Amino acid sequence: MQPNLQPKKARLNIQISFELKSKLSKLSAFQGKKVSTLVRESIEEKLEQIDKKLFEEKMKQAYQGLVQENLKISEDFKYVDIENL
């Protein structure tokens, strides 16, 4: 007997405008996908964008922290650099 390989799914009920529902229905017919698939893909894409933005912000903060550290190290060695002249 094979184990169930599909991830568990949760049902989510949301309310959207009739205009948005109409757009989703048209896109669904055009792409040949279920509306629920389009919504799921849209949510996944948006979450990936948010995760990427958060990661970039963390990296920016980390690099800014390194700038201060590098300036301090440079300051510590400025007199040593002059000795080689």
Protein backbone atom coordinates (compact mmCIF):
# COMPACT_ATOMS: atom_id res chain seq x y z
CA MET A 1 0.00 0.00 0.00
CA GLN A 2 1.46 3.38 -1.06
CA PRO A 3 1.41 6.30 1.34
CA ASN A 4 -0.60 9.38 0.41
CA LEU A 5 1.95 11.58 -1.42
CA GLN A 6 -0.25 14.63 -1.82
CA PRO A 7 0.20 17.34 0.79
CA LYS A 8 -2.71 17.90 3.11
CA LYS A 9 -4.95 20.71 2.00
CA ALA A 10 -7.05 23.15 3.98
CA ARG A 11 -10.24 24.78 2.84
CA LEU A 12 -10.37 28.56 3.01
CA ASN A 13 -13.51 30.60 2.49
CA ILE A 14 -13.01 34.20 1.39
CA GLN A 15 -15.24 36.98 0.19
CA ILE A 16 -14.32 38.91 -2.95
CA SER A 17 -16.11 41.45 -5.10
CA PHE A 18 -18.28 40.32 -7.99
CA GLU A 19 -15.90 42.16 -10.33
CA LEU A 20 -12.91 40.18 -9.07
CA LYS A 21 -14.88 36.92 -9.28
CA SER A 22 -15.80 37.75 -12.88
CA LYS A 23 -12.17 38.45 -13.77
CA LEU A 24 -11.09 35.19 -12.14
CA SER A 25 -13.76 33.25 -14.01
CA LYS A 26 -12.69 34.72 -17.36
CA LEU A 27 -9.02 34.05 -16.64
CA SER A 28 -9.88 30.54 -15.49
CA ALA A 29 -11.63 29.79 -18.78
CA PHE A 30 -8.83 31.39 -20.80
CA GLN A 31 -6.04 29.46 -19.05
CA GLY A 32 -8.00 26.24 -18.61
CA LYS A 33 -7.39 26.22 -14.86
CA LYS A 34 -9.75 26.06 -11.94
CA VAL A 35 -10.43 29.32 -10.11
CA SER A 36 -9.09 27.74 -6.92
CA THR A 37 -5.83 26.94 -8.73
CA LEU A 38 -5.47 30.54 -9.89
CA VAL A 39 -6.14 31.85 -6.39
CA ARG A 40 -3.66 29.39 -4.85
CA GLU A 41 -0.97 30.31 -7.40
CA SER A 42 -1.58 34.02 -6.82
CA ILE A 43 -1.27 33.62 -3.06
CA GLU A 44 1.92 31.59 -3.44
CA GLU A 45 3.40 34.20 -5.79
CA LYS A 46 2.54 37.07 -3.45
CA LEU A 47 4.00 35.24 -0.44
CA GLU A 48 7.21 34.58 -2.40
CA GLN A 49 7.44 38.30 -3.24
CA ILE A 50 6.99 39.21 0.43
CA ASP A 51 9.58 36.63 1.53
CA LYS A 52 12.05 37.96 -1.05
CA LYS A 53 11.48 41.55 0.09
CA LEU A 54 11.97 40.56 3.75
CA PHE A 55 15.16 38.67 2.87
CA GLU A 56 16.50 41.65 0.93
CA GLU A 57 15.75 43.96 3.85
CA LYS A 58 17.58 41.63 6.27
CA MET A 59 20.57 41.49 3.92
CA LYS A 60 20.57 45.29 3.62
CA GLN A 61 20.60 45.66 7.39
CA ALA A 62 23.37 43.07 7.71
CA TYR A 63 25.54 44.88 5.14
CA GLN A 64 24.91 48.21 6.83
CA GLY A 65 26.08 46.64 10.08
CA LEU A 66 29.23 45.44 8.34
CA VAL A 67 29.94 48.96 7.08
CA GLN A 68 30.24 50.22 10.65
CA GLU A 69 32.45 47.28 11.59
CA ASN A 70 34.69 47.78 8.53
CA LEU A 71 35.05 51.49 9.26
CA LYS A 72 36.13 50.69 12.81
CA ILE A 73 38.69 48.15 11.60
CA SER A 74 40.02 50.64 9.04
CA GLU A 75 40.34 53.26 11.76
CA ASP A 76 42.26 50.78 13.96
CA PHE A 77 44.80 50.12 11.18
CA LYS A 78 45.20 53.61 9.68
CA TYR A 79 48.45 54.24 11.52
CA VAL A 80 49.88 50.87 10.51
CA ASP A 81 49.23 51.67 6.86
CA ILE A 82 51.17 54.93 7.15
CA GLU A 83 54.29 53.11 8.43
CA ASN A 84 54.82 51.52 5.00
CA LEU A 85 55.25 54.88 3.26
